[in-house]
Each structure stands twice: as C-alpha cells, then as structure tokens.
Amino acid sequence: MEFLRNGVLRTSWHRPLVVFSAAMVALAVVSAVGVLVDDRVLVGAPIWAKPFKFAVSFVAYCLSLAWMLSLLPDRRRVGWWAGTVVALASLVEMVIITGQVVRGKRSHFNHETPFDEALFNAMAVTVVVLWAGTLVVAVLLLRARIADRASAWAMRSGILLALAGAAVGFLMTQPAPGQQRGVSKVVGAHSVGVPDGGPSMPLTGWSTTGGDLRIPHFFGMHALQLLPLLLMVLTVLAPRFARLADERVRLRLVLVASGAYAAVFALVLWQALRGQPLVRPDGATLGAAGLMVVAVALGAYWALRTGRTSPSHRATAATSAPASKDLVL
C-alpha cells in the first residue's frame, strides 16, 4: 500500500481517530481564546493552557496512529478496534480535563473531594486503556510485512518510544514527598524535587528549578511523528543525493536516529528523576550528552560509509531514485 503516489494521498485513514483529531483542533482554538480572555491561573499557569497543550498533542498523536493503521490491511479489523479504543479513551480524558477547567479545578492529581478523586481515577483508567490500545497497534506494526524496511522501522521505533514516553505518566501518579493517599488533597506531581507550579519555561511550562517528568513524557510520545517524518525527509532528498537512494542507507540512518532518540529520551528521564531542570544540566548530564553526540556522529558515518556500493548497484539505485519519492509499504 502506498502513502503517496504522484502527489495524491491513497490511504484510508482510521475515521474515529481522524474525527477525534478534528474535534481537538476545534478545542485547541477554543483553549487558545481562553488563554487570552480568561485571566484565571491554576497551579502557576493559565487555566486554559493544559487543554490547549493536550489538544495539540492529541492531534499529532492520533493522526499519526490513523495513518499507521491505514498501512495494515491484513489486520484491519483488529487495528480498527484498537484505534477506536484509543479515540474513545482520549475523548473521555479530554472531556474531564476541559470540564475541570470550566469548574476552576485541577484535573490531574486532584483528591480534594470524592468527586474530584473519582474524575482523576477515571482519567487514570483512560490512560491505561489508551496505552493498551497503542500497544496493540505496536504489535501489529511489529508483525506486519512491510516491503520498505526503513519505513517499517521508522514506524516501529516511533510507536515503541511513544509507548515508553506514555509510560512516564504512571510515574507522576505516585505520591510525592509529604503526600499521603487518603489524606492529602493532591497526590502525585510532574515536578521532582520542587512543588508543581513554580518558575517555569515559557510556552512549555516545564520547571526551571527542579526536574520535570513532563519532558521525557512529551519527548517520548512524539517520536511517533518525528521518526517517520525523518524518513520522509530522507525519501524526498533521495533524488538529489544518490547515497540516500539506497534503501539500506536510509534504513541505517533510521536505526541510528532511533537509537539517538532513545538515548536522549533516557537522558532527559534520568535528568528529571534526579530533580534537575532541563536548562541547568550538571557535569554528569553534559558528559553523557557529549558521549551521545559522538556515538551518533559515528553511527551516521557508519550508515553512510557502509552504504557505498559497486558501480552496477549505484546505477540500479539511480534508476530507481524517482520512485523513492513515494513511501511504498
């Protein structure tokens, strides 16, 4: 099945996920207006900032899943149900988040009243269901027979890293120091070493004084878009750079990029768990980052160098280069 042929989209995307994504676009617009006209502040941020960020994130996440599911014709029924479960779970979560904003209450970690606690517990269930639905899609992708190996591993690596990023959310639900289930009005936190709601970065709201688990959570989940996007860029560049016309080179570059992405995810998670702000790395963090840069550079060199082929193979690759404009699966 083809993603793009002669500039025309030829896939049938998962409709419930597409419809939900369209609804999230509308909610993002409403939330953006809310940020401008509603001066209420909750946990140190504009009260409409959370639904805005969640809506934008869900648009990217669910459209990516909708596209990937369209590439699994052999498992269309199982994939359709998995995608529908993800869409419904996401819808419930966003209804609760938005409803709590209207009430002027925090949605996450809220144990102030039995009703608030019930809503947060319901959100916890939806997150587990969403994660499980994505896991089913990941298994389908791992088992799918996809002709272009670079395409296959861009999607597989992306969804596996997205699952890892989503799993970071479970760490946030654990009681922070000084909190106790059944006693504290707030149980759980995204900040490490400092209270939620302190000084933060613009736009993202990530803490500048302590660790923030939202960073690896965000970074991991959006591998779902970034790794396939990297492959699309390589594919578009293939007609201009003969080396990229070789599928093996594209595959190796995707594998190197996937390893680099996983390493950065592990680094920012380690940094957050140590209570260290993203913008204030210590020597250990900088040293690890430096080693990663060297490893990625060597990996990229290996991917390109070992892609050298015989003249006859280069001629074959050059002949097939125009077809590389299409992401053929």
C-alpha atoms as a PDB file:
ATOM      1  CA  MET A   1       0.000   0.000   0.000  1.00  0.00           C
ATOM      2  CA  GLU A   2       1.302   3.453  -0.870  1.00  0.00           C
ATOM      3  CA  PHE A   3       1.401   6.531   1.299  1.00  0.00           C
ATOM      4  CA  LEU A   4       1.924   8.926  -1.608  1.00  0.00           C
ATOM      5  CA  ARG A   5       1.794   8.395  -5.350  1.00  0.00           C
ATOM      6  CA  ASN A   6       2.131  11.299  -7.770  1.00  0.00           C
ATOM      7  CA  GLY A   7       1.185  13.748  -5.045  1.00  0.00           C
ATOM      8  CA  VAL A   8      -2.150  12.035  -4.280  1.00  0.00           C
ATOM      9  CA  LEU A   9      -2.950  10.557  -0.893  1.00  0.00           C
ATOM     10  CA  ARG A  10      -4.057   6.963  -1.421  1.00  0.00           C
ATOM     11  CA  THR A  11      -4.782   5.640   2.050  1.00  0.00           C
ATOM     12  CA  SER A  12      -7.990   5.225   4.000  1.00  0.00           C
ATOM     13  CA  TRP A  13      -7.279   6.656   7.417  1.00  0.00           C
ATOM     14  CA  HIS A  14      -8.927   5.460  10.622  1.00  0.00           C
ATOM     15  CA  ARG A  15     -12.089   7.565  10.753  1.00  0.00           C
ATOM     16  CA  PRO A  16     -12.748   7.700  14.549  1.00  0.00           C
ATOM     17  CA  LEU A  17      -9.184   8.903  15.160  1.00  0.00           C
ATOM     18  CA  VAL A  18      -9.486  11.480  12.375  1.00  0.00           C
ATOM     19  CA  VAL A  19     -12.817  12.749  13.725  1.00  0.00           C
ATOM     20  CA  PHE A  20     -11.396  12.984  17.238  1.00  0.00           C
ATOM     21  CA  SER A  21      -8.370  14.866  15.895  1.00  0.00           C
ATOM     22  CA  ALA A  22     -10.675  17.340  14.153  1.00  0.00           C
ATOM     23  CA  ALA A  23     -12.509  17.870  17.439  1.00  0.00           C
ATOM     24  CA  MET A  24      -9.167  18.510  19.144  1.00  0.00           C
ATOM     25  CA  VAL A  25      -8.310  21.152  16.543  1.00  0.00           C
ATOM     26  CA  ALA A  26     -11.534  22.935  17.482  1.00  0.00           C
ATOM     27  CA  LEU A  27     -10.770  22.562  21.196  1.00  0.00           C
ATOM     28  CA  ALA A  28      -7.265  23.938  20.657  1.00  0.00           C
ATOM     29  CA  VAL A  29      -8.774  27.063  19.088  1.00  0.00           C
ATOM     30  CA  VAL A  30     -11.258  27.447  21.953  1.00  0.00           C
ATOM     31  CA  SER A  31      -8.496  26.918  24.517  1.00  0.00           C
ATOM     32  CA  ALA A  32      -6.243  29.462  22.806  1.00  0.00           C
ATOM     33  CA  VAL A  33      -9.041  32.005  23.054  1.00  0.00           C
ATOM     34  CA  GLY A  34      -9.499  31.002  26.682  1.00  0.00           C
ATOM     35  CA  VAL A  35      -5.830  31.684  27.407  1.00  0.00           C
ATOM     36  CA  LEU A  36      -6.290  35.200  26.007  1.00  0.00           C
ATOM     37  CA  VAL A  37      -9.612  36.156  27.614  1.00  0.00           C
ATOM     38  CA  ASP A  38      -9.714  34.117  30.853  1.00  0.00           C
ATOM     39  CA  ASP A  39      -7.303  35.504  33.436  1.00  0.00           C
ATOM     40  CA  ARG A  40      -7.654  32.589  35.845  1.00  0.00           C
ATOM     41  CA  VAL A  41      -4.418  30.877  36.866  1.00  0.00           C
ATOM     42  CA  LEU A  42      -4.188  27.293  38.124  1.00  0.00           C
ATOM     43  CA  VAL A  43      -1.007  25.736  39.531  1.00  0.00           C
ATOM     44  CA  GLY A  44       1.063  28.629  38.231  1.00  0.00           C
ATOM     45  CA  ALA A  45      -0.207  28.531  34.624  1.00  0.00           C
ATOM     46  CA  PRO A  46      -3.135  29.997  32.654  1.00  0.00           C
ATOM     47  CA  ILE A  47      -6.077  27.718  33.339  1.00  0.00           C
ATOM     48  CA  TRP A  48      -6.708  27.028  29.631  1.00  0.00           C
ATOM     49  CA  ALA A  49      -3.077  26.164  28.896  1.00  0.00           C
ATOM     50  CA  LYS A  50      -3.493  22.496  29.801  1.00  0.00           C
ATOM     51  CA  PRO A  51      -6.421  21.706  27.452  1.00  0.00           C
ATOM     52  CA  PHE A  52      -4.643  23.649  24.691  1.00  0.00           C
ATOM     53  CA  LYS A  53      -1.430  21.640  25.018  1.00  0.00           C
ATOM     54  CA  PHE A  54      -3.265  18.335  25.382  1.00  0.00           C
ATOM     55  CA  ALA A  55      -5.458  19.081  22.350  1.00  0.00           C
ATOM     56  CA  VAL A  56      -2.478  19.922  20.125  1.00  0.00           C
ATOM     57  CA  SER A  57      -0.620  16.832  21.336  1.00  0.00           C
ATOM     58  CA  PHE A  58      -3.611  14.580  20.677  1.00  0.00           C
ATOM     59  CA  VAL A  59      -3.984  15.957  17.140  1.00  0.00           C
ATOM     60  CA  ALA A  60      -0.434  14.902  16.291  1.00  0.00           C
ATOM     61  CA  TYR A  61      -0.642  11.593  18.168  1.00  0.00           C
ATOM     62  CA  CYS A  62      -3.987  10.391  16.839  1.00  0.00           C
ATOM     63  CA  LEU A  63      -3.413  11.463  13.238  1.00  0.00           C
ATOM     64  CA  SER A  64      -0.140   9.520  13.289  1.00  0.00           C
ATOM     65  CA  LEU A  65      -1.939   6.420  14.548  1.00  0.00           C
ATOM     66  CA  ALA A  66      -4.711   6.895  11.988  1.00  0.00           C
ATOM     67  CA  TRP A  67      -2.131   6.947   9.197  1.00  0.00           C
ATOM     68  CA  MET A  68      -0.219   3.926  10.521  1.00  0.00           C
ATOM     69  CA  LEU A  69      -3.408   1.896  10.843  1.00  0.00           C
ATOM     70  CA  SER A  70      -4.192   2.577   7.184  1.00  0.00           C
ATOM     71  CA  LEU A  71      -0.994   0.694   6.320  1.00  0.00           C
ATOM     72  CA  LEU A  72      -2.134  -2.548   7.966  1.00  0.00           C
ATOM     73  CA  PRO A  73      -4.662  -4.080   5.551  1.00  0.00           C
ATOM     74  CA  ASP A  74      -4.021  -7.615   6.825  1.00  0.00           C
ATOM     75  CA  ARG A  75      -5.039  -6.673  10.365  1.00  0.00           C
ATOM     76  CA  ARG A  76      -7.620  -4.024   9.544  1.00  0.00           C
ATOM     77  CA  ARG A  77     -10.338  -5.277  11.920  1.00  0.00           C
ATOM     78  CA  VAL A  78      -8.079  -5.604  14.982  1.00  0.00           C
ATOM     79  CA  GLY A  79      -6.393  -2.316  14.149  1.00  0.00           C
ATOM     80  CA  TRP A  80      -9.732  -0.556  13.704  1.00  0.00           C
ATOM     81  CA  TRP A  81     -10.908  -1.611  17.150  1.00  0.00           C
ATOM     82  CA  ALA A  82      -7.583  -0.687  18.754  1.00  0.00           C
ATOM     83  CA  GLY A  83      -7.700   2.754  17.155  1.00  0.00           C
ATOM     84  CA  THR A  84     -11.316   3.243  18.181  1.00  0.00           C
ATOM     85  CA  VAL A  85     -10.467   2.366  21.780  1.00  0.00           C
ATOM     86  CA  VAL A  86      -7.646   4.939  21.713  1.00  0.00           C
ATOM     87  CA  ALA A  87     -10.014   7.583  20.319  1.00  0.00           C
ATOM     88  CA  LEU A  88     -12.714   6.909  22.931  1.00  0.00           C
ATOM     89  CA  ALA A  89     -10.251   6.836  25.842  1.00  0.00           C
ATOM     90  CA  SER A  90      -8.695  10.079  24.638  1.00  0.00           C
ATOM     91  CA  LEU A  91     -12.133  11.666  24.320  1.00  0.00           C
ATOM     92  CA  VAL A  92     -13.045  10.780  27.901  1.00  0.00           C
ATOM     93  CA  GLU A  93      -9.756  12.205  29.162  1.00  0.00           C
ATOM     94  CA  MET A  94     -10.237  15.482  27.306  1.00  0.00           C
ATOM     95  CA  VAL A  95     -13.842  15.834  28.489  1.00  0.00           C
ATOM     96  CA  ILE A  96     -12.645  15.523  32.094  1.00  0.00           C
ATOM     97  CA  ILE A  97      -9.746  17.939  31.614  1.00  0.00           C
ATOM     98  CA  THR A  98     -11.965  20.540  29.962  1.00  0.00           C
ATOM     99  CA  GLY A  99     -14.767  20.062  32.466  1.00  0.00           C
ATOM    100  CA  GLN A 100     -12.399  20.639  35.363  1.00  0.00           C
ATOM    101  CA  VAL A 101     -11.125  23.817  33.704  1.00  0.00           C
ATOM    102  CA  VAL A 102     -14.691  25.108  33.492  1.00  0.00           C
ATOM    103  CA  ARG A 103     -15.111  24.311  37.198  1.00  0.00           C
ATOM    104  CA  GLY A 104     -11.830  26.028  38.023  1.00  0.00           C
ATOM    105  CA  LYS A 105     -10.334  22.816  39.404  1.00  0.00           C
ATOM    106  CA  ARG A 106      -7.157  20.933  38.584  1.00  0.00           C
ATOM    107  CA  SER A 107      -7.748  17.664  36.765  1.00  0.00           C
ATOM    108  CA  HIS A 108      -4.525  15.782  37.483  1.00  0.00           C
ATOM    109  CA  PHE A 109      -3.628  14.513  40.963  1.00  0.00           C
ATOM    110  CA  ASN A 110      -6.781  16.089  42.459  1.00  0.00           C
ATOM    111  CA  HIS A 111      -8.058  14.330  45.600  1.00  0.00           C
ATOM    112  CA  GLU A 112      -9.703  17.387  47.144  1.00  0.00           C
ATOM    113  CA  THR A 113     -13.240  15.934  47.102  1.00  0.00           C
ATOM    114  CA  PRO A 114     -14.644  12.459  46.382  1.00  0.00           C
ATOM    115  CA  PHE A 115     -15.942  13.781  43.055  1.00  0.00           C
ATOM    116  CA  ASP A 116     -12.564  15.207  42.039  1.00  0.00           C
ATOM    117  CA  GLU A 117     -10.862  11.993  43.102  1.00  0.00           C
ATOM    118  CA  ALA A 118     -13.329   9.938  41.056  1.00  0.00           C
ATOM    119  CA  LEU A 119     -12.623  12.068  37.988  1.00  0.00           C
ATOM    120  CA  PHE A 120      -8.880  11.658  38.376  1.00  0.00           C
ATOM    121  CA  ASN A 121      -9.261   7.907  38.863  1.00  0.00           C
ATOM    122  CA  ALA A 122     -11.359   7.791  35.686  1.00  0.00           C
ATOM    123  CA  MET A 123      -8.575   9.620  33.868  1.00  0.00           C
ATOM    124  CA  ALA A 124      -6.078   7.085  35.175  1.00  0.00           C
ATOM    125  CA  VAL A 125      -8.193   4.289  33.689  1.00  0.00           C
ATOM    126  CA  THR A 126      -8.419   6.055  30.325  1.00  0.00           C
ATOM    127  CA  VAL A 127      -4.638   6.450  30.230  1.00  0.00           C
ATOM    128  CA  VAL A 128      -4.171   2.716  30.806  1.00  0.00           C
ATOM    129  CA  VAL A 129      -6.731   1.928  28.101  1.00  0.00           C
ATOM    130  CA  LEU A 130      -5.074   4.377  25.692  1.00  0.00           C
ATOM    131  CA  TRP A 131      -1.680   2.832  26.372  1.00  0.00           C
ATOM    132  CA  ALA A 132      -3.028  -0.684  25.849  1.00  0.00           C
ATOM    133  CA  GLY A 133      -4.686   0.311  22.572  1.00  0.00           C
ATOM    134  CA  THR A 134      -1.432   1.808  21.333  1.00  0.00           C
ATOM    135  CA  LEU A 135       0.386  -1.361  22.388  1.00  0.00           C
ATOM    136  CA  VAL A 136      -1.936  -3.409  20.169  1.00  0.00           C
ATOM    137  CA  VAL A 137      -1.116  -1.148  17.227  1.00  0.00           C
ATOM    138  CA  ALA A 138       2.592  -1.520  18.027  1.00  0.00           C
ATOM    139  CA  VAL A 139       2.311  -5.317  17.981  1.00  0.00           C
ATOM    140  CA  LEU A 140       0.508  -5.156  14.631  1.00  0.00           C
ATOM    141  CA  LEU A 141       3.277  -2.971  13.206  1.00  0.00           C
ATOM    142  CA  LEU A 142       5.976  -5.298  14.529  1.00  0.00           C
ATOM    143  CA  ARG A 143       4.283  -8.267  12.863  1.00  0.00           C
ATOM    144  CA  ALA A 144       3.352  -6.519   9.622  1.00  0.00           C
ATOM    145  CA  ARG A 145       5.189  -7.430   6.436  1.00  0.00           C
ATOM    146  CA  ILE A 146       6.277  -4.041   5.132  1.00  0.00           C
ATOM    147  CA  ALA A 147       8.393  -4.098   1.988  1.00  0.00           C
ATOM    148  CA  ASP A 148      10.391  -0.949   2.706  1.00  0.00           C
ATOM    149  CA  ARG A 149      12.423  -1.768   5.811  1.00  0.00           C
ATOM    150  CA  ALA A 150      13.316   1.845   6.532  1.00  0.00           C
ATOM    151  CA  SER A 151       9.621   2.742   6.595  1.00  0.00           C
ATOM    152  CA  ALA A 152       8.856  -0.241   8.792  1.00  0.00           C
ATOM    153  CA  TRP A 153      11.481   0.592  11.399  1.00  0.00           C
ATOM    154  CA  ALA A 154      10.708   4.304  11.437  1.00  0.00           C
ATOM    155  CA  MET A 155       7.133   3.467  12.426  1.00  0.00           C
ATOM    156  CA  ARG A 156       8.058   0.622  14.765  1.00  0.00           C
ATOM    157  CA  SER A 157      10.701   2.621  16.612  1.00  0.00           C
ATOM    158  CA  GLY A 158       8.400   5.620  16.780  1.00  0.00           C
ATOM    159  CA  ILE A 159       5.498   3.769  18.336  1.00  0.00           C
ATOM    160  CA  LEU A 160       7.692   1.836  20.795  1.00  0.00           C
ATOM    161  CA  LEU A 161       9.281   5.069  22.001  1.00  0.00           C
ATOM    162  CA  ALA A 162       5.824   6.625  22.204  1.00  0.00           C
ATOM    163  CA  LEU A 163       4.749   3.796  24.499  1.00  0.00           C
ATOM    164  CA  ALA A 164       7.814   4.403  26.672  1.00  0.00           C
ATOM    165  CA  GLY A 165       7.044   8.109  26.803  1.00  0.00           C
ATOM    166  CA  ALA A 166       3.421   7.486  27.715  1.00  0.00           C
ATOM    167  CA  ALA A 167       4.512   5.113  30.488  1.00  0.00           C
ATOM    168  CA  VAL A 168       6.336   8.003  32.186  1.00  0.00           C
ATOM    169  CA  GLY A 169       2.889   9.302  33.071  1.00  0.00           C
ATOM    170  CA  PHE A 170       2.491   6.452  35.532  1.00  0.00           C
ATOM    171  CA  LEU A 171       5.494   7.757  37.499  1.00  0.00           C
ATOM    172  CA  MET A 172       3.695  11.056  38.009  1.00  0.00           C
ATOM    173  CA  THR A 173       0.796   9.428  39.843  1.00  0.00           C
ATOM    174  CA  GLN A 174       2.992   8.221  42.697  1.00  0.00           C
ATOM    175  CA  PRO A 175       2.779  10.251  45.947  1.00  0.00           C
ATOM    176  CA  ALA A 176       5.442  12.946  46.146  1.00  0.00           C
ATOM    177  CA  PRO A 177       7.358  13.511  49.406  1.00  0.00           C
ATOM    178  CA  GLY A 178       4.946  14.798  52.034  1.00  0.00           C
ATOM    179  CA  GLN A 179       1.883  13.411  50.251  1.00  0.00           C
ATOM    180  CA  GLN A 180      -0.225  10.537  51.535  1.00  0.00           C
ATOM    181  CA  ARG A 181      -3.092   8.740  49.847  1.00  0.00           C
ATOM    182  CA  GLY A 182      -6.380   9.243  51.635  1.00  0.00           C
ATOM    183  CA  VAL A 183      -5.058  12.296  53.469  1.00  0.00           C
ATOM    184  CA  SER A 184      -3.504  14.763  51.017  1.00  0.00           C
ATOM    185  CA  LYS A 185      -5.693  16.820  48.693  1.00  0.00           C
ATOM    186  CA  VAL A 186      -3.101  16.417  45.957  1.00  0.00           C
ATOM    187  CA  VAL A 187      -1.428  13.054  45.318  1.00  0.00           C
ATOM    188  CA  GLY A 188       1.138  12.898  42.553  1.00  0.00           C
ATOM    189  CA  ALA A 189       3.220  15.500  40.735  1.00  0.00           C
ATOM    190  CA  HIS A 190       5.029  16.129  37.498  1.00  0.00           C
ATOM    191  CA  SER A 191       7.839  18.069  39.191  1.00  0.00           C
ATOM    192  CA  VAL A 192      10.661  16.326  41.048  1.00  0.00           C
ATOM    193  CA  GLY A 193      12.386  17.994  43.973  1.00  0.00           C
ATOM    194  CA  VAL A 194      10.166  21.088  43.880  1.00  0.00           C
ATOM    195  CA  PRO A 195       6.407  21.693  44.149  1.00  0.00           C
ATOM    196  CA  ASP A 196       4.323  21.884  40.985  1.00  0.00           C
ATOM    197  CA  GLY A 197       3.537  25.403  39.828  1.00  0.00           C
ATOM    198  CA  GLY A 198       6.924  27.038  40.440  1.00  0.00           C
ATOM    199  CA  PRO A 199       9.078  29.032  37.995  1.00  0.00           C
ATOM    200  CA  SER A 200       8.842  27.547  34.531  1.00  0.00           C
ATOM    201  CA  MET A 201       9.861  27.876  30.895  1.00  0.00           C
ATOM    202  CA  PRO A 202       7.624  29.921  28.595  1.00  0.00           C
ATOM    203  CA  LEU A 203       5.195  28.016  26.355  1.00  0.00           C
ATOM    204  CA  THR A 204       6.034  24.543  27.693  1.00  0.00           C
ATOM    205  CA  GLY A 205       5.614  25.357  31.387  1.00  0.00           C
ATOM    206  CA  TRP A 206       8.445  22.961  32.267  1.00  0.00           C
ATOM    207  CA  SER A 207      10.101  23.635  35.601  1.00  0.00           C
ATOM    208  CA  THR A 208      13.293  25.707  35.680  1.00  0.00           C
ATOM    209  CA  THR A 209      14.058  24.933  39.331  1.00  0.00           C
ATOM    210  CA  GLY A 210      13.617  21.145  39.526  1.00  0.00           C
ATOM    211  CA  GLY A 211      13.126  18.003  37.497  1.00  0.00           C
ATOM    212  CA  ASP A 212      10.042  17.705  35.314  1.00  0.00           C
ATOM    213  CA  LEU A 213       8.688  14.345  34.179  1.00  0.00           C
ATOM    214  CA  ARG A 214       6.600  16.025  31.501  1.00  0.00           C
ATOM    215  CA  ILE A 215       9.777  16.464  29.435  1.00  0.00           C
ATOM    216  CA  PRO A 216      10.511  12.743  28.798  1.00  0.00           C
ATOM    217  CA  HIS A 217       6.750  12.145  28.623  1.00  0.00           C
ATOM    218  CA  PHE A 218       6.413  14.672  25.794  1.00  0.00           C
ATOM    219  CA  PHE A 219       9.651  13.753  24.046  1.00  0.00           C
ATOM    220  CA  GLY A 220       8.938  10.033  24.028  1.00  0.00           C
ATOM    221  CA  MET A 221       5.341  10.281  22.839  1.00  0.00           C
ATOM    222  CA  HIS A 222       6.192  12.451  19.859  1.00  0.00           C
ATOM    223  CA  ALA A 223       8.711  10.003  18.450  1.00  0.00           C
ATOM    224  CA  LEU A 224       5.542   8.707  16.803  1.00  0.00           C
ATOM    225  CA  GLN A 225       5.682  11.685  14.433  1.00  0.00           C
ATOM    226  CA  LEU A 226       9.353  12.653  14.327  1.00  0.00           C
ATOM    227  CA  LEU A 227      10.936   9.364  13.229  1.00  0.00           C
ATOM    228  CA  PRO A 228       8.553   8.764  10.293  1.00  0.00           C
ATOM    229  CA  LEU A 229       8.969  12.449   9.421  1.00  0.00           C
ATOM    230  CA  LEU A 230      12.741  11.961   9.286  1.00  0.00           C
ATOM    231  CA  LEU A 231      12.304   9.100   6.839  1.00  0.00           C
ATOM    232  CA  MET A 232      10.002  11.199   4.676  1.00  0.00           C
ATOM    233  CA  VAL A 233      12.687  13.897   4.527  1.00  0.00           C
ATOM    234  CA  LEU A 234      15.309  11.308   3.537  1.00  0.00           C
ATOM    235  CA  THR A 235      12.964   9.963   0.861  1.00  0.00           C
ATOM    236  CA  VAL A 236      12.311  13.411  -0.582  1.00  0.00           C
ATOM    237  CA  LEU A 237      16.061  14.110  -0.674  1.00  0.00           C
ATOM    238  CA  ALA A 238      16.902  10.780  -2.335  1.00  0.00           C
ATOM    239  CA  PRO A 239      16.642  12.044  -5.940  1.00  0.00           C
ATOM    240  CA  ARG A 240      19.149  14.816  -5.134  1.00  0.00           C
ATOM    241  CA  PHE A 241      21.597  12.710  -3.098  1.00  0.00           C
ATOM    242  CA  ALA A 242      22.433   9.383  -4.704  1.00  0.00           C
ATOM    243  CA  ARG A 243      23.531   7.817  -1.416  1.00  0.00           C
ATOM    244  CA  LEU A 244      20.014   8.226   0.006  1.00  0.00           C
ATOM    245  CA  ALA A 245      18.521   6.400  -2.968  1.00  0.00           C
ATOM    246  CA  ASP A 246      19.925   3.211  -1.439  1.00  0.00           C
ATOM    247  CA  GLU A 247      17.274   1.699   0.838  1.00  0.00           C
ATOM    248  CA  ARG A 248      19.994   0.214   3.043  1.00  0.00           C
ATOM    249  CA  VAL A 249      21.434   3.658   3.744  1.00  0.00           C
ATOM    250  CA  ARG A 250      18.014   5.018   4.663  1.00  0.00           C
ATOM    251  CA  LEU A 251      17.437   2.021   6.920  1.00  0.00           C
ATOM    252  CA  ARG A 252      20.758   2.507   8.712  1.00  0.00           C
ATOM    253  CA  LEU A 253      20.112   6.221   9.167  1.00  0.00           C
ATOM    254  CA  VAL A 254      16.672   5.464  10.606  1.00  0.00           C
ATOM    255  CA  LEU A 255      18.188   2.932  13.019  1.00  0.00           C
ATOM    256  CA  VAL A 256      20.864   5.424  14.100  1.00  0.00           C
ATOM    257  CA  ALA A 257      18.229   8.125  14.574  1.00  0.00           C
ATOM    258  CA  SER A 258      16.049   5.727  16.568  1.00  0.00           C
ATOM    259  CA  GLY A 259      18.954   4.839  18.833  1.00  0.00           C
ATOM    260  CA  ALA A 260      19.792   8.519  19.273  1.00  0.00           C
ATOM    261  CA  TYR A 261      16.178   9.325  20.091  1.00  0.00           C
ATOM    262  CA  ALA A 262      16.029   6.536  22.666  1.00  0.00           C
ATOM    263  CA  ALA A 263      19.273   7.763  24.232  1.00  0.00           C
ATOM    264  CA  VAL A 264      18.015  11.351  24.513  1.00  0.00           C
ATOM    265  CA  PHE A 265      14.754  10.068  25.996  1.00  0.00           C
ATOM    266  CA  ALA A 266      16.697   8.101  28.615  1.00  0.00           C
ATOM    267  CA  LEU A 267      18.889  11.133  29.321  1.00  0.00           C
ATOM    268  CA  VAL A 268      16.044  13.586  29.939  1.00  0.00           C
ATOM    269  CA  LEU A 269      14.226  10.969  32.034  1.00  0.00           C
ATOM    270  CA  TRP A 270      17.354  10.414  34.140  1.00  0.00           C
ATOM    271  CA  GLN A 271      17.800  14.158  34.467  1.00  0.00           C
ATOM    272  CA  ALA A 272      14.194  14.666  35.591  1.00  0.00           C
ATOM    273  CA  LEU A 273      14.294  11.830  38.124  1.00  0.00           C
ATOM    274  CA  ARG A 274      17.354  13.444  39.716  1.00  0.00           C
ATOM    275  CA  GLY A 275      15.396  16.657  40.225  1.00  0.00           C
ATOM    276  CA  GLN A 276      17.496  18.550  37.693  1.00  0.00           C
ATOM    277  CA  PRO A 277      15.991  21.261  35.452  1.00  0.00           C
ATOM    278  CA  LEU A 278      16.390  20.782  31.715  1.00  0.00           C
ATOM    279  CA  VAL A 279      18.054  24.196  31.416  1.00  0.00           C
ATOM    280  CA  ARG A 280      20.575  23.548  34.213  1.00  0.00           C
ATOM    281  CA  PRO A 281      22.397  20.310  33.372  1.00  0.00           C
ATOM    282  CA  ASP A 282      25.242  19.232  35.640  1.00  0.00           C
ATOM    283  CA  GLY A 283      28.565  17.730  34.609  1.00  0.00           C
ATOM    284  CA  ALA A 284      27.228  14.177  34.504  1.00  0.00           C
ATOM    285  CA  THR A 285      24.379  15.164  32.205  1.00  0.00           C
ATOM    286  CA  LEU A 286      26.665  17.154  29.908  1.00  0.00           C
ATOM    287  CA  GLY A 287      29.178  14.314  29.825  1.00  0.00           C
ATOM    288  CA  ALA A 288      26.501  11.803  28.878  1.00  0.00           C
ATOM    289  CA  ALA A 289      25.175  14.172  26.219  1.00  0.00           C
ATOM    290  CA  GLY A 290      28.681  14.568  24.791  1.00  0.00           C
ATOM    291  CA  LEU A 291      29.153  10.815  24.533  1.00  0.00           C
ATOM    292  CA  MET A 292      25.800  10.560  22.784  1.00  0.00           C
ATOM    293  CA  VAL A 293      26.797  13.196  20.223  1.00  0.00           C
ATOM    294  CA  VAL A 294      29.997  11.276  19.443  1.00  0.00           C
ATOM    295  CA  ALA A 295      28.105   7.985  19.166  1.00  0.00           C
ATOM    296  CA  VAL A 296      25.504   9.482  16.836  1.00  0.00           C
ATOM    297  CA  ALA A 297      28.184  11.061  14.644  1.00  0.00           C
ATOM    298  CA  LEU A 298      29.995   7.726  14.369  1.00  0.00           C
ATOM    299  CA  GLY A 299      26.707   5.976  13.668  1.00  0.00           C
ATOM    300  CA  ALA A 300      25.820   8.398  10.886  1.00  0.00           C
ATOM    301  CA  TYR A 301      29.299   7.981   9.392  1.00  0.00           C
ATOM    302  CA  TRP A 302      28.889   4.192   9.506  1.00  0.00           C
ATOM    303  CA  ALA A 303      25.452   4.388   7.914  1.00  0.00           C
ATOM    304  CA  LEU A 304      26.696   6.484   5.017  1.00  0.00           C
ATOM    305  CA  ARG A 305      30.096   4.842   4.583  1.00  0.00           C
ATOM    306  CA  THR A 306      28.826   1.256   4.526  1.00  0.00           C
ATOM    307  CA  GLY A 307      26.230   2.326   2.003  1.00  0.00           C
ATOM    308  CA  ARG A 308      28.904   2.507  -0.681  1.00  0.00           C
ATOM    309  CA  THR A 309      28.125   0.007  -3.379  1.00  0.00           C
ATOM    310  CA  SER A 310      29.507  -1.261  -6.640  1.00  0.00           C
ATOM    311  CA  PRO A 311      29.081   0.827  -9.820  1.00  0.00           C
ATOM    312  CA  SER A 312      26.416  -1.558 -11.094  1.00  0.00           C
ATOM    313  CA  HIS A 313      24.422  -1.259  -7.868  1.00  0.00           C
ATOM    314  CA  ARG A 314      24.742   2.547  -7.941  1.00  0.00           C
ATOM    315  CA  ALA A 315      23.374   2.541 -11.464  1.00  0.00           C
ATOM    316  CA  THR A 316      20.424   0.450 -10.328  1.00  0.00           C
ATOM    317  CA  ALA A 317      19.804   2.739  -7.345  1.00  0.00           C
ATOM    318  CA  ALA A 318      19.989   5.823  -9.554  1.00  0.00           C
ATOM    319  CA  THR A 319      17.472   4.303 -11.957  1.00  0.00           C
ATOM    320  CA  SER A 320      15.036   3.653  -9.098  1.00  0.00           C
ATOM    321  CA  ALA A 321      15.629   7.010  -7.409  1.00  0.00           C
ATOM    322  CA  PRO A 322      12.493   8.735  -8.793  1.00  0.00           C
ATOM    323  CA  ALA A 323      10.359   6.043  -7.215  1.00  0.00           C
ATOM    324  CA  SER A 324      11.858   6.918  -3.846  1.00  0.00           C
ATOM    325  CA  LYS A 325       9.616   9.979  -3.765  1.00  0.00           C
ATOM    326  CA  ASP A 326       6.905   7.571  -2.680  1.00  0.00           C
ATOM    327  CA  LEU A 327       6.791   5.956   0.710  1.00  0.00           C
ATOM    328  CA  VAL A 328       5.947   2.476  -0.539  1.00  0.00           C
ATOM    329  CA  LEU A 329       4.873  -0.093   2.009  1.00  0.00           C
END
